[in-house]
Amino acid sequence: MEALKGPDYVRRNVQRVIEERERVWRTLNELGAHVHQSTTNFLLMRTEIPDAVSKFRGIGILVSDLSNQLPPGFIRVSIGTREENDAFITGYLTIREAYE
C-alpha cells in the first residue's frame, strides 16, 4: 500500500536494498565467503558447509536451497533490513566456525 502512495517511497526502498546488498556482499567477501555480485534483491552464495540450509534454518535464518537448480552448495540469500542482514552474517560466522 505504501508503494502506491508515491514513487519516492519506492525509490528510497530500492536504494536501501542496493546499499544493503553491496554491504552484505562486501562483508561476506571480506570474510572469505564465495558470493557472486548481484543486481537483484538477493545474493547467490556457494558454501562448503554440509547441510547449510538446514543449519541456517536451525538458527532461525531462512535461505533458499538451490541444489535442484545449481551444483550442490549454492544458496540464495535475500536482502532484508540491516538488522536481518546482520543476523545472517552473524549466523554464517557461527555456522562456519562450528563446521571448521
PDB file of N, CA and C in Angstrom:
ATOM      1  N   MET A   1       0.818  -1.186   0.000  1.00  0.00           N
ATOM      2  CA  MET A   1       0.000   0.000   0.000  1.00  0.00           C
ATOM      3  C   MET A   1       0.872   1.265   0.000  1.00  0.00           C
ATOM      4  N   GLU A   2       1.990   1.197   0.735  1.00  0.00           N
ATOM      5  CA  GLU A   2       2.866   2.363   0.789  1.00  0.00           C
ATOM      6  C   GLU A   2       3.414   2.709  -0.597  1.00  0.00           C
ATOM      7  N   ALA A   3       3.735   1.687  -1.375  1.00  0.00           N
ATOM      8  CA  ALA A   3       4.298   1.928  -2.705  1.00  0.00           C
ATOM      9  C   ALA A   3       3.324   2.684  -3.593  1.00  0.00           C
ATOM     10  N   LEU A   4       2.039   2.479  -3.372  1.00  0.00           N
ATOM     11  CA  LEU A   4       1.027   3.165  -4.171  1.00  0.00           C
ATOM     12  C   LEU A   4       0.908   4.641  -3.817  1.00  0.00           C
ATOM     13  N   LYS A   5       1.411   5.031  -2.669  1.00  0.00           N
ATOM     14  CA  LYS A   5       1.304   6.422  -2.229  1.00  0.00           C
ATOM     15  C   LYS A   5       2.251   7.356  -2.968  1.00  0.00           C
ATOM     16  N   GLY A   6       3.279   6.811  -3.557  1.00  0.00           N
ATOM     17  CA  GLY A   6       4.179   7.688  -4.299  1.00  0.00           C
ATOM     18  C   GLY A   6       5.476   7.016  -4.684  1.00  0.00           C
ATOM     19  N   PRO A   7       6.050   7.483  -5.756  1.00  0.00           N
ATOM     20  CA  PRO A   7       7.291   6.886  -6.253  1.00  0.00           C
ATOM     21  C   PRO A   7       8.489   7.126  -5.337  1.00  0.00           C
ATOM     22  N   ASP A   8       8.432   8.151  -4.495  1.00  0.00           N
ATOM     23  CA  ASP A   8       9.558   8.413  -3.599  1.00  0.00           C
ATOM     24  C   ASP A   8       9.778   7.249  -2.643  1.00  0.00           C
ATOM     25  N   TYR A   9       8.704   6.658  -2.166  1.00  0.00           N
ATOM     26  CA  TYR A   9       8.812   5.502  -1.277  1.00  0.00           C
ATOM     27  C   TYR A   9       9.532   4.358  -1.990  1.00  0.00           C
ATOM     28  N   VAL A  10       9.155   4.103  -3.216  1.00  0.00           N
ATOM     29  CA  VAL A  10       9.759   3.024  -3.987  1.00  0.00           C
ATOM     30  C   VAL A  10      11.243   3.306  -4.213  1.00  0.00           C
ATOM     31  N   ARG A  11      11.576   4.529  -4.600  1.00  0.00           N
ATOM     32  CA  ARG A  11      12.977   4.892  -4.844  1.00  0.00           C
ATOM     33  C   ARG A  11      13.823   4.728  -3.578  1.00  0.00           C
ATOM     34  N   ARG A  12      13.296   5.171  -2.442  1.00  0.00           N
ATOM     35  CA  ARG A  12      14.040   5.035  -1.181  1.00  0.00           C
ATOM     36  C   ARG A  12      14.264   3.562  -0.837  1.00  0.00           C
ATOM     37  N   ASN A  13      13.233   2.765  -1.037  1.00  0.00           N
ATOM     38  CA  ASN A  13      13.355   1.347  -0.718  1.00  0.00           C
ATOM     39  C   ASN A  13      14.336   0.646  -1.655  1.00  0.00           C
ATOM     40  N   VAL A  14      14.276   0.954  -2.928  1.00  0.00           N
ATOM     41  CA  VAL A  14      15.211   0.369  -3.893  1.00  0.00           C
ATOM     42  C   VAL A  14      16.644   0.770  -3.523  1.00  0.00           C
ATOM     43  N   GLN A  15      16.852   2.013  -3.185  1.00  0.00           N
ATOM     44  CA  GLN A  15      18.187   2.479  -2.804  1.00  0.00           C
ATOM     45  C   GLN A  15      18.676   1.768  -1.544  1.00  0.00           C
ATOM     46  N   ARG A  16      17.798   1.549  -0.585  1.00  0.00           N
ATOM     47  CA  ARG A  16      18.161   0.846   0.655  1.00  0.00           C
ATOM     48  C   ARG A  16      18.595  -0.583   0.334  1.00  0.00           C
ATOM     49  N   VAL A  17      17.849  -1.260  -0.537  1.00  0.00           N
ATOM     50  CA  VAL A  17      18.187  -2.630  -0.905  1.00  0.00           C
ATOM     51  C   VAL A  17      19.547  -2.673  -1.612  1.00  0.00           C
ATOM     52  N   ILE A  18      19.784  -1.742  -2.509  1.00  0.00           N
ATOM     53  CA  ILE A  18      21.065  -1.691  -3.221  1.00  0.00           C
ATOM     54  C   ILE A  18      22.216  -1.495  -2.239  1.00  0.00           C
ATOM     55  N   GLU A  19      22.069  -0.544  -1.319  1.00  0.00           N
ATOM     56  CA  GLU A  19      23.130  -0.280  -0.341  1.00  0.00           C
ATOM     57  C   GLU A  19      23.372  -1.487   0.554  1.00  0.00           C
ATOM     58  N   GLU A  20      22.309  -2.113   1.012  1.00  0.00           N
ATOM     59  CA  GLU A  20      22.443  -3.295   1.870  1.00  0.00           C
ATOM     60  C   GLU A  20      23.052  -4.469   1.112  1.00  0.00           C
ATOM     61  N   ARG A  21      22.627  -4.669  -0.122  1.00  0.00           N
ATOM     62  CA  ARG A  21      23.161  -5.765  -0.921  1.00  0.00           C
ATOM     63  C   ARG A  21      24.674  -5.610  -1.081  1.00  0.00           C
ATOM     64  N   GLU A  22      25.121  -4.400  -1.384  1.00  0.00           N
ATOM     65  CA  GLU A  22      26.547  -4.156  -1.564  1.00  0.00           C
ATOM     66  C   GLU A  22      27.305  -4.329  -0.248  1.00  0.00           C
ATOM     67  N   ARG A  23      26.720  -3.870   0.847  1.00  0.00           N
ATOM     68  CA  ARG A  23      27.360  -4.010   2.156  1.00  0.00           C
ATOM     69  C   ARG A  23      27.500  -5.482   2.537  1.00  0.00           C
ATOM     70  N   VAL A  24      26.432  -6.260   2.356  1.00  0.00           N
ATOM     71  CA  VAL A  24      26.468  -7.684   2.692  1.00  0.00           C
ATOM     72  C   VAL A  24      27.454  -8.401   1.782  1.00  0.00           C
ATOM     73  N   TRP A  25      27.417  -8.123   0.493  1.00  0.00           N
ATOM     74  CA  TRP A  25      28.346  -8.746  -0.450  1.00  0.00           C
ATOM     75  C   TRP A  25      29.792  -8.464  -0.051  1.00  0.00           C
ATOM     76  N   ARG A  26      30.085  -7.204   0.226  1.00  0.00           N
ATOM     77  CA  ARG A  26      31.443  -6.805   0.597  1.00  0.00           C
ATOM     78  C   ARG A  26      31.878  -7.489   1.906  1.00  0.00           C
ATOM     79  N   THR A  27      31.003  -7.493   2.900  1.00  0.00           N
ATOM     80  CA  THR A  27      31.321  -8.107   4.193  1.00  0.00           C
ATOM     81  C   THR A  27      31.590  -9.594   4.042  1.00  0.00           C
ATOM     82  N   LEU A  28      30.717 -10.288   3.321  1.00  0.00           N
ATOM     83  CA  LEU A  28      30.900 -11.729   3.141  1.00  0.00           C
ATOM     84  C   LEU A  28      32.182 -12.035   2.378  1.00  0.00           C
ATOM     85  N   ASN A  29      32.491 -11.253   1.374  1.00  0.00           N
ATOM     86  CA  ASN A  29      33.736 -11.458   0.633  1.00  0.00           C
ATOM     87  C   ASN A  29      34.947 -11.221   1.523  1.00  0.00           C
ATOM     88  N   GLU A  30      34.889 -10.207   2.373  1.00  0.00           N
ATOM     89  CA  GLU A  30      35.985  -9.951   3.306  1.00  0.00           C
ATOM     90  C   GLU A  30      36.163 -11.113   4.280  1.00  0.00           C
ATOM     91  N   LEU A  31      35.078 -11.837   4.561  1.00  0.00           N
ATOM     92  CA  LEU A  31      35.129 -12.993   5.446  1.00  0.00           C
ATOM     93  C   LEU A  31      35.568 -14.261   4.715  1.00  0.00           C
ATOM     94  N   GLY A  32      35.797 -14.154   3.406  1.00  0.00           N
ATOM     95  CA  GLY A  32      36.259 -15.287   2.626  1.00  0.00           C
ATOM     96  C   GLY A  32      35.150 -16.146   2.031  1.00  0.00           C
ATOM     97  N   ALA A  33      33.920 -15.679   2.095  1.00  0.00           N
ATOM     98  CA  ALA A  33      32.798 -16.427   1.513  1.00  0.00           C
ATOM     99  C   ALA A  33      32.838 -16.312  -0.009  1.00  0.00           C
ATOM    100  N   HIS A  34      32.219 -17.268  -0.672  1.00  0.00           N
ATOM    101  CA  HIS A  34      32.130 -17.266  -2.130  1.00  0.00           C
ATOM    102  C   HIS A  34      30.753 -16.720  -2.521  1.00  0.00           C
ATOM    103  N   VAL A  35      30.697 -15.420  -2.772  1.00  0.00           N
ATOM    104  CA  VAL A  35      29.428 -14.750  -3.062  1.00  0.00           C
ATOM    105  C   VAL A  35      29.536 -14.054  -4.409  1.00  0.00           C
ATOM    106  N   HIS A  36      28.545 -14.295  -5.246  1.00  0.00           N
ATOM    107  CA  HIS A  36      28.527 -13.660  -6.562  1.00  0.00           C
ATOM    108  C   HIS A  36      27.913 -12.270  -6.450  1.00  0.00           C
ATOM    109  N   GLN A  37      28.482 -11.326  -7.171  1.00  0.00           N
ATOM    110  CA  GLN A  37      27.917  -9.989  -7.202  1.00  0.00           C
ATOM    111  C   GLN A  37      26.562 -10.059  -7.888  1.00  0.00           C
ATOM    112  N   SER A  38      25.668  -9.147  -7.530  1.00  0.00           N
ATOM    113  CA  SER A  38      24.294  -9.227  -7.993  1.00  0.00           C
ATOM    114  C   SER A  38      23.724  -7.853  -8.301  1.00  0.00           C
ATOM    115  N   THR A  39      22.705  -7.831  -9.144  1.00  0.00           N
ATOM    116  CA  THR A  39      21.932  -6.610  -9.393  1.00  0.00           C
ATOM    117  C   THR A  39      20.479  -6.821  -8.969  1.00  0.00           C
ATOM    118  N   THR A  40      20.246  -7.860  -8.184  1.00  0.00           N
ATOM    119  CA  THR A  40      18.898  -8.217  -7.740  1.00  0.00           C
ATOM    120  C   THR A  40      18.762  -7.951  -6.246  1.00  0.00           C
ATOM    121  N   ASN A  41      17.669  -8.428  -5.657  1.00  0.00           N
ATOM    122  CA  ASN A  41      17.454  -8.255  -4.224  1.00  0.00           C
ATOM    123  C   ASN A  41      17.913  -9.490  -3.442  1.00  0.00           C
ATOM    124  N   PHE A  42      18.824 -10.249  -4.024  1.00  0.00           N
ATOM    125  CA  PHE A  42      19.386 -11.405  -3.331  1.00  0.00           C
ATOM    126  C   PHE A  42      20.818 -11.633  -3.795  1.00  0.00           C
ATOM    127  N   LEU A  43      21.527 -12.449  -3.017  1.00  0.00           N
ATOM    128  CA  LEU A  43      22.890 -12.843  -3.363  1.00  0.00           C
ATOM    129  C   LEU A  43      22.934 -14.349  -3.565  1.00  0.00           C
ATOM    130  N   LEU A  44      23.750 -14.779  -4.483  1.00  0.00           N
ATOM    131  CA  LEU A  44      23.988 -16.189  -4.728  1.00  0.00           C
ATOM    132  C   LEU A  44      25.305 -16.536  -4.051  1.00  0.00           C
ATOM    133  N   MET A  45      25.236 -17.502  -3.140  1.00  0.00           N
ATOM    134  CA  MET A  45      26.404 -17.846  -2.333  1.00  0.00           C
ATOM    135  C   MET A  45      26.682 -19.337  -2.447  1.00  0.00           C
ATOM    136  N   ARG A  46      27.955 -19.668  -2.588  1.00  0.00           N
ATOM    137  CA  ARG A  46      28.365 -21.076  -2.594  1.00  0.00           C
ATOM    138  C   ARG A  46      29.059 -21.358  -1.279  1.00  0.00           C
ATOM    139  N   THR A  47      28.636 -22.423  -0.633  1.00  0.00           N
ATOM    140  CA  THR A  47      29.228 -22.780   0.643  1.00  0.00           C
ATOM    141  C   THR A  47      29.639 -24.245   0.655  1.00  0.00           C
ATOM    142  N   GLU A  48      30.712 -24.519   1.349  1.00  0.00           N
ATOM    143  CA  GLU A  48      31.202 -25.888   1.503  1.00  0.00           C
ATOM    144  C   GLU A  48      30.609 -26.540   2.754  1.00  0.00           C
ATOM    145  N   ILE A  49      29.841 -25.795   3.523  1.00  0.00           N
ATOM    146  CA  ILE A  49      29.273 -26.298   4.772  1.00  0.00           C
ATOM    147  C   ILE A  49      28.193 -27.329   4.446  1.00  0.00           C
ATOM    148  N   PRO A  50      28.353 -28.564   4.911  1.00  0.00           N
ATOM    149  CA  PRO A  50      27.328 -29.580   4.640  1.00  0.00           C
ATOM    150  C   PRO A  50      25.990 -29.200   5.290  1.00  0.00           C
ATOM    151  N   ASP A  51      24.905 -29.436   4.576  1.00  0.00           N
ATOM    152  CA  ASP A  51      23.554 -29.151   5.091  1.00  0.00           C
ATOM    153  C   ASP A  51      23.399 -27.703   5.560  1.00  0.00           C
ATOM    154  N   ALA A  52      23.992 -26.776   4.823  1.00  0.00           N
ATOM    155  CA  ALA A  52      23.971 -25.368   5.221  1.00  0.00           C
ATOM    156  C   ALA A  52      22.550 -24.840   5.375  1.00  0.00           C
ATOM    157  N   VAL A  53      21.661 -25.218   4.469  1.00  0.00           N
ATOM    158  CA  VAL A  53      20.282 -24.707   4.531  1.00  0.00           C
ATOM    159  C   VAL A  53      19.634 -25.101   5.844  1.00  0.00           C
ATOM    160  N   SER A  54      19.754 -26.358   6.222  1.00  0.00           N
ATOM    161  CA  SER A  54      19.119 -26.796   7.475  1.00  0.00           C
ATOM    162  C   SER A  54      19.817 -26.178   8.683  1.00  0.00           C
ATOM    163  N   LYS A  55      21.108 -25.939   8.592  1.00  0.00           N
ATOM    164  CA  LYS A  55      21.816 -25.289   9.702  1.00  0.00           C
ATOM    165  C   LYS A  55      21.355 -23.845   9.872  1.00  0.00           C
ATOM    166  N   PHE A  56      21.177 -23.129   8.773  1.00  0.00           N
ATOM    167  CA  PHE A  56      20.647 -21.767   8.862  1.00  0.00           C
ATOM    168  C   PHE A  56      19.235 -21.788   9.442  1.00  0.00           C
ATOM    169  N   ARG A  57      18.420 -22.676   8.945  1.00  0.00           N
ATOM    170  CA  ARG A  57      17.050 -22.768   9.451  1.00  0.00           C
ATOM    171  C   ARG A  57      17.028 -23.116  10.927  1.00  0.00           C
ATOM    172  N   GLY A  58      17.986 -23.921  11.367  1.00  0.00           N
ATOM    173  CA  GLY A  58      18.077 -24.304  12.764  1.00  0.00           C
ATOM    174  C   GLY A  58      18.341 -23.139  13.702  1.00  0.00           C
ATOM    175  N   ILE A  59      18.904 -22.064  13.169  1.00  0.00           N
ATOM    176  CA  ILE A  59      19.128 -20.869  13.994  1.00  0.00           C
ATOM    177  C   ILE A  59      18.163 -19.741  13.606  1.00  0.00           C
ATOM    178  N   GLY A  60      17.117 -20.108  12.889  1.00  0.00           N
ATOM    179  CA  GLY A  60      16.058 -19.149  12.584  1.00  0.00           C
ATOM    180  C   GLY A  60      16.303 -18.253  11.389  1.00  0.00           C
ATOM    181  N   ILE A  61      17.213 -18.640  10.512  1.00  0.00           N
ATOM    182  CA  ILE A  61      17.505 -17.842   9.325  1.00  0.00           C
ATOM    183  C   ILE A  61      17.105 -18.648   8.097  1.00  0.00           C
ATOM    184  N   LEU A  62      16.238 -18.055   7.281  1.00  0.00           N
ATOM    185  CA  LEU A  62      15.767 -18.741   6.083  1.00  0.00           C
ATOM    186  C   LEU A  62      16.600 -18.335   4.877  1.00  0.00           C
ATOM    187  N   VAL A  63      17.133 -19.337   4.216  1.00  0.00           N
ATOM    188  CA  VAL A  63      17.817 -19.157   2.936  1.00  0.00           C
ATOM    189  C   VAL A  63      17.195 -20.162   1.978  1.00  0.00           C
ATOM    190  N   SER A  64      17.353 -19.920   0.709  1.00  0.00           N
ATOM    191  CA  SER A  64      16.767 -20.819  -0.283  1.00  0.00           C
ATOM    192  C   SER A  64      17.796 -21.835  -0.757  1.00  0.00           C
ATOM    193  N   ASP A  65      17.391 -23.081  -0.775  1.00  0.00           N
ATOM    194  CA  ASP A  65      18.219 -24.175  -1.258  1.00  0.00           C
ATOM    195  C   ASP A  65      18.116 -24.210  -2.779  1.00  0.00           C
ATOM    196  N   LEU A  66      19.231 -24.101  -3.459  1.00  0.00           N
ATOM    197  CA  LEU A  66      19.238 -24.095  -4.920  1.00  0.00           C
ATOM    198  C   LEU A  66      19.822 -25.367  -5.507  1.00  0.00           C
ATOM    199  N   SER A  67      19.917 -26.417  -4.680  1.00  0.00           N
ATOM    200  CA  SER A  67      20.564 -27.649  -5.127  1.00  0.00           C
ATOM    201  C   SER A  67      19.813 -28.350  -6.259  1.00  0.00           C
ATOM    202  N   ASN A  68      18.541 -28.028  -6.440  1.00  0.00           N
ATOM    203  CA  ASN A  68      17.818 -28.640  -7.553  1.00  0.00           C
ATOM    204  C   ASN A  68      17.988 -27.848  -8.858  1.00  0.00           C
ATOM    205  N   GLN A  69      18.663 -26.692  -8.780  1.00  0.00           N
ATOM    206  CA  GLN A  69      18.867 -25.867  -9.966  1.00  0.00           C
ATOM    207  C   GLN A  69      20.341 -25.658 -10.306  1.00  0.00           C
ATOM    208  N   LEU A  70      21.201 -25.741  -9.287  1.00  0.00           N
ATOM    209  CA  LEU A  70      22.630 -25.487  -9.453  1.00  0.00           C
ATOM    210  C   LEU A  70      23.417 -26.613  -8.785  1.00  0.00           C
ATOM    211  N   PRO A  71      24.721 -26.652  -8.987  1.00  0.00           N
ATOM    212  CA  PRO A  71      25.512 -27.672  -8.297  1.00  0.00           C
ATOM    213  C   PRO A  71      25.350 -27.564  -6.779  1.00  0.00           C
ATOM    214  N   PRO A  72      25.638 -28.628  -6.056  1.00  0.00           N
ATOM    215  CA  PRO A  72      25.486 -28.605  -4.595  1.00  0.00           C
ATOM    216  C   PRO A  72      26.265 -27.455  -3.950  1.00  0.00           C
ATOM    217  N   GLY A  73      25.701 -26.926  -2.892  1.00  0.00           N
ATOM    218  CA  GLY A  73      26.378 -25.889  -2.123  1.00  0.00           C
ATOM    219  C   GLY A  73      25.922 -24.474  -2.393  1.00  0.00           C
ATOM    220  N   PHE A  74      25.056 -24.259  -3.389  1.00  0.00           N
ATOM    221  CA  PHE A  74      24.591 -22.908  -3.687  1.00  0.00           C
ATOM    222  C   PHE A  74      23.319 -22.598  -2.899  1.00  0.00           C
ATOM    223  N   ILE A  75      23.319 -21.413  -2.283  1.00  0.00           N
ATOM    224  CA  ILE A  75      22.123 -20.933  -1.579  1.00  0.00           C
ATOM    225  C   ILE A  75      21.815 -19.514  -2.044  1.00  0.00           C
ATOM    226  N   ARG A  76      20.556 -19.156  -1.888  1.00  0.00           N
ATOM    227  CA  ARG A  76      20.111 -17.807  -2.219  1.00  0.00           C
ATOM    228  C   ARG A  76      19.856 -17.074  -0.914  1.00  0.00           C
ATOM    229  N   VAL A  77      20.465 -15.905  -0.780  1.00  0.00           N
ATOM    230  CA  VAL A  77      20.342 -15.095   0.427  1.00  0.00           C
ATOM    231  C   VAL A  77      19.599 -13.819   0.055  1.00  0.00           C
ATOM    232  N   SER A  78      18.358 -13.677   0.510  1.00  0.00           N
ATOM    233  CA  SER A  78      17.586 -12.479   0.212  1.00  0.00           C
ATOM    234  C   SER A  78      18.079 -11.308   1.053  1.00  0.00           C
ATOM    235  N   ILE A  79      18.058 -10.129   0.467  1.00  0.00           N
ATOM    236  CA  ILE A  79      18.459  -8.919   1.176  1.00  0.00           C
ATOM    237  C   ILE A  79      17.254  -8.379   1.929  1.00  0.00           C
ATOM    238  N   GLY A  80      17.437  -8.177   3.211  1.00  0.00           N
ATOM    239  CA  GLY A  80      16.364  -7.656   4.057  1.00  0.00           C
ATOM    240  C   GLY A  80      16.771  -6.330   4.672  1.00  0.00           C
ATOM    241  N   THR A  81      16.322  -6.113   5.894  1.00  0.00           N
ATOM    242  CA  THR A  81      16.716  -4.905   6.621  1.00  0.00           C
ATOM    243  C   THR A  81      18.151  -5.063   7.097  1.00  0.00           C
ATOM    244  N   ARG A  82      18.734  -3.998   7.546  1.00  0.00           N
ATOM    245  CA  ARG A  82      20.102  -4.054   8.067  1.00  0.00           C
ATOM    246  C   ARG A  82      20.202  -5.073   9.205  1.00  0.00           C
ATOM    247  N   GLU A  83      19.217  -5.069  10.081  1.00  0.00           N
ATOM    248  CA  GLU A  83      19.211  -5.991  11.217  1.00  0.00           C
ATOM    249  C   GLU A  83      19.119  -7.443  10.742  1.00  0.00           C
ATOM    250  N   GLU A  84      18.263  -7.701   9.779  1.00  0.00           N
ATOM    251  CA  GLU A  84      18.140  -9.056   9.235  1.00  0.00           C
ATOM    252  C   GLU A  84      19.434  -9.495   8.553  1.00  0.00           C
ATOM    253  N   ASN A  85      20.035  -8.595   7.813  1.00  0.00           N
ATOM    254  CA  ASN A  85      21.285  -8.916   7.126  1.00  0.00           C
ATOM    255  C   ASN A  85      22.418  -9.156   8.112  1.00  0.00           C
ATOM    256  N   ASP A  86      22.467  -8.361   9.180  1.00  0.00           N
ATOM    257  CA  ASP A  86      23.469  -8.575  10.219  1.00  0.00           C
ATOM    258  C   ASP A  86      23.261  -9.926  10.896  1.00  0.00           C
ATOM    259  N   ALA A  87      22.006 -10.313  11.101  1.00  0.00           N
ATOM    260  CA  ALA A  87      21.705 -11.619  11.695  1.00  0.00           C
ATOM    261  C   ALA A  87      22.197 -12.734  10.775  1.00  0.00           C
ATOM    262  N   PHE A  88      22.028 -12.571   9.467  1.00  0.00           N
ATOM    263  CA  PHE A  88      22.533 -13.573   8.528  1.00  0.00           C
ATOM    264  C   PHE A  88      24.047 -13.668   8.618  1.00  0.00           C
ATOM    265  N   ILE A  89      24.730 -12.542   8.610  1.00  0.00           N
ATOM    266  CA  ILE A  89      26.199 -12.547   8.670  1.00  0.00           C
ATOM    267  C   ILE A  89      26.674 -13.213   9.959  1.00  0.00           C
ATOM    268  N   THR A  90      26.069 -12.859  11.075  1.00  0.00           N
ATOM    269  CA  THR A  90      26.422 -13.472  12.353  1.00  0.00           C
ATOM    270  C   THR A  90      26.143 -14.967  12.321  1.00  0.00           C
ATOM    271  N   GLY A  91      25.002 -15.354  11.773  1.00  0.00           N
ATOM    272  CA  GLY A  91      24.657 -16.761  11.655  1.00  0.00           C
ATOM    273  C   GLY A  91      25.638 -17.502  10.774  1.00  0.00           C
ATOM    274  N   TYR A  92      26.030 -16.898   9.675  1.00  0.00           N
ATOM    275  CA  TYR A  92      27.016 -17.516   8.784  1.00  0.00           C
ATOM    276  C   TYR A  92      28.319 -17.766   9.531  1.00  0.00           C
ATOM    277  N   LEU A  93      28.785 -16.772  10.280  1.00  0.00           N
ATOM    278  CA  LEU A  93      30.020 -16.942  11.036  1.00  0.00           C
ATOM    279  C   LEU A  93      29.903 -18.056  12.069  1.00  0.00           C
ATOM    280  N   THR A  94      28.780 -18.117  12.746  1.00  0.00           N
ATOM    281  CA  THR A  94      28.548 -19.164  13.752  1.00  0.00           C
ATOM    282  C   THR A  94      28.561 -20.549  13.126  1.00  0.00           C
ATOM    283  N   ILE A  95      27.861 -20.696  12.018  1.00  0.00           N
ATOM    284  CA  ILE A  95      27.796 -21.992  11.335  1.00  0.00           C
ATOM    285  C   ILE A  95      29.162 -22.374  10.773  1.00  0.00           C
ATOM    286  N   ARG A  96      29.837 -21.413  10.191  1.00  0.00           N
ATOM    287  CA  ARG A  96      31.161 -21.682   9.612  1.00  0.00           C
ATOM    288  C   ARG A  96      32.154 -22.097  10.687  1.00  0.00           C
ATOM    289  N   GLU A  97      32.143 -21.393  11.819  1.00  0.00           N
ATOM    290  CA  GLU A  97      33.062 -21.739  12.916  1.00  0.00           C
ATOM    291  C   GLU A  97      32.785 -23.145  13.452  1.00  0.00           C
ATOM    292  N   ALA A  98      31.518 -23.512  13.539  1.00  0.00           N
ATOM    293  CA  ALA A  98      31.170 -24.851  14.013  1.00  0.00           C
ATOM    294  C   ALA A  98      31.611 -25.917  13.028  1.00  0.00           C
ATOM    295  N   TYR A  99      31.606 -25.577  11.741  1.00  0.00           N
ATOM    296  CA  TYR A  99      31.992 -26.531  10.689  1.00  0.00           C
ATOM    297  C   TYR A  99      33.503 -26.720  10.658  1.00  0.00           C
ATOM    298  N   GLU A 100      34.238 -25.633  10.875  1.00  0.00           N
ATOM    299  CA  GLU A 100      35.706 -25.692  10.779  1.00  0.00           C
ATOM    300  C   GLU A 100      36.238 -26.380  11.964  1.00  0.00           C
TER     301      GLU A 100
END
